[in-house]
Amino acid sequence: MAKRELVETFETVFEADEGGGFHVYVPTLKGCHSWGATREEARDHIREAIALWLESVRELGIGECRRP
């Protein structure tokens, strides 16, 4: 069962992988996904993925990012 929580003010979805670990993604940031062996590791990785996603959008001038 997926669990949702706020990370860096973005709602994230944590899903337990069948083989262990957690897949995590941000529904409002298309393509912003990560993984971790533990929930804490997955949270750390998605924080980094969010920062990189936002940086890429700013650098490319793709559009405005809105936080919920």
C-alpha atoms as a PDB file:
ATOM      1  CA  MET A   1       0.000   0.000   0.000  1.00  0.00           C
ATOM      2  CA  ALA A   2       1.328   3.433  -0.950  1.00  0.00           C
ATOM      3  CA  LYS A   3       1.796   6.055   1.747  1.00  0.00           C
ATOM      4  CA  ARG A   4       1.770   9.796   1.096  1.00  0.00           C
ATOM      5  CA  GLU A   5       3.658  12.508   2.966  1.00  0.00           C
ATOM      6  CA  LEU A   6       5.033  16.002   2.413  1.00  0.00           C
ATOM      7  CA  VAL A   7       8.689  16.311   1.457  1.00  0.00           C
ATOM      8  CA  GLU A   8      10.013  19.816   0.855  1.00  0.00           C
ATOM      9  CA  THR A   9       6.334  20.920   0.698  1.00  0.00           C
ATOM     10  CA  PHE A  10       5.598  18.505  -2.154  1.00  0.00           C
ATOM     11  CA  GLU A  11       3.301  15.563  -1.647  1.00  0.00           C
ATOM     12  CA  THR A  12       5.252  12.379  -2.319  1.00  0.00           C
ATOM     13  CA  VAL A  13       4.092   8.792  -2.723  1.00  0.00           C
ATOM     14  CA  PHE A  14       6.116   5.972  -1.177  1.00  0.00           C
ATOM     15  CA  GLU A  15       5.471   2.469  -2.517  1.00  0.00           C
ATOM     16  CA  ALA A  16       7.117  -0.615  -1.074  1.00  0.00           C
ATOM     17  CA  ASP A  17       8.922  -2.595  -3.792  1.00  0.00           C
ATOM     18  CA  GLU A  18       8.293  -6.335  -3.964  1.00  0.00           C
ATOM     19  CA  GLY A  19      12.038  -7.006  -3.802  1.00  0.00           C
ATOM     20  CA  GLY A  20      12.559  -4.631  -0.884  1.00  0.00           C
ATOM     21  CA  GLY A  21      13.109  -0.910  -0.658  1.00  0.00           C
ATOM     22  CA  PHE A  22      10.829   1.940  -1.627  1.00  0.00           C
ATOM     23  CA  HIS A  23       9.916   3.605  -4.907  1.00  0.00           C
ATOM     24  CA  VAL A  24       9.008   7.252  -4.315  1.00  0.00           C
ATOM     25  CA  TYR A  25       7.634   9.907  -6.653  1.00  0.00           C
ATOM     26  CA  VAL A  26       6.111  13.387  -6.719  1.00  0.00           C
ATOM     27  CA  PRO A  27       2.779  13.379  -8.599  1.00  0.00           C
ATOM     28  CA  THR A  28       2.916  17.130  -9.340  1.00  0.00           C
ATOM     29  CA  LEU A  29       6.449  16.979 -10.804  1.00  0.00           C
ATOM     30  CA  LYS A  30       6.231  14.807 -13.905  1.00  0.00           C
ATOM     31  CA  GLY A  31       9.109  12.346 -14.052  1.00  0.00           C
ATOM     32  CA  CYS A  32      10.379  13.076 -10.529  1.00  0.00           C
ATOM     33  CA  HIS A  33      11.001   9.577  -9.160  1.00  0.00           C
ATOM     34  CA  SER A  34      13.571   7.960  -6.924  1.00  0.00           C
ATOM     35  CA  TRP A  35      14.235   4.835  -4.867  1.00  0.00           C
ATOM     36  CA  GLY A  36      15.835   3.883  -1.576  1.00  0.00           C
ATOM     37  CA  ALA A  37      16.636   0.721   0.338  1.00  0.00           C
ATOM     38  CA  THR A  38      14.912   2.241   3.386  1.00  0.00           C
ATOM     39  CA  ARG A  39      12.138   4.792   3.759  1.00  0.00           C
ATOM     40  CA  GLU A  40      14.633   7.336   5.115  1.00  0.00           C
ATOM     41  CA  GLU A  41      17.002   6.756   2.194  1.00  0.00           C
ATOM     42  CA  ALA A  42      14.133   7.096  -0.272  1.00  0.00           C
ATOM     43  CA  ARG A  43      13.139  10.390   1.402  1.00  0.00           C
ATOM     44  CA  ASP A  44      16.699  11.709   1.130  1.00  0.00           C
ATOM     45  CA  HIS A  45      16.880  10.678  -2.520  1.00  0.00           C
ATOM     46  CA  ILE A  46      13.562  12.276  -3.447  1.00  0.00           C
ATOM     47  CA  ARG A  47      14.639  15.533  -1.768  1.00  0.00           C
ATOM     48  CA  GLU A  48      17.643  15.560  -4.068  1.00  0.00           C
ATOM     49  CA  ALA A  49      15.483  14.626  -7.069  1.00  0.00           C
ATOM     50  CA  ILE A  50      13.076  17.492  -6.293  1.00  0.00           C
ATOM     51  CA  ALA A  51      15.932  19.984  -6.084  1.00  0.00           C
ATOM     52  CA  LEU A  52      17.393  18.762  -9.387  1.00  0.00           C
ATOM     53  CA  TRP A  53      13.982  18.757 -11.068  1.00  0.00           C
ATOM     54  CA  LEU A  54      13.320  22.358 -10.019  1.00  0.00           C
ATOM     55  CA  GLU A  55      16.836  23.455 -11.003  1.00  0.00           C
ATOM     56  CA  SER A  56      16.425  21.895 -14.451  1.00  0.00           C
ATOM     57  CA  VAL A  57      13.099  23.639 -15.008  1.00  0.00           C
ATOM     58  CA  ARG A  58      14.601  27.004 -14.046  1.00  0.00           C
ATOM     59  CA  GLU A  59      17.690  26.506 -16.230  1.00  0.00           C
ATOM     60  CA  LEU A  60      15.661  25.407 -19.230  1.00  0.00           C
ATOM     61  CA  GLY A  61      13.021  28.080 -18.719  1.00  0.00           C
ATOM     62  CA  ILE A  62      10.344  25.442 -19.205  1.00  0.00           C
ATOM     63  CA  GLY A  63       7.714  27.143 -17.114  1.00  0.00           C
ATOM     64  CA  GLU A  64       6.572  28.181 -13.746  1.00  0.00           C
ATOM     65  CA  CYS A  65       6.696  25.705 -10.883  1.00  0.00           C
ATOM     66  CA  ARG A  66       3.989  26.083  -8.293  1.00  0.00           C
ATOM     67  CA  ARG A  67       4.187  24.580  -4.873  1.00  0.00           C
ATOM     68  CA  PRO A  68       0.943  23.241  -3.460  1.00  0.00           C
END
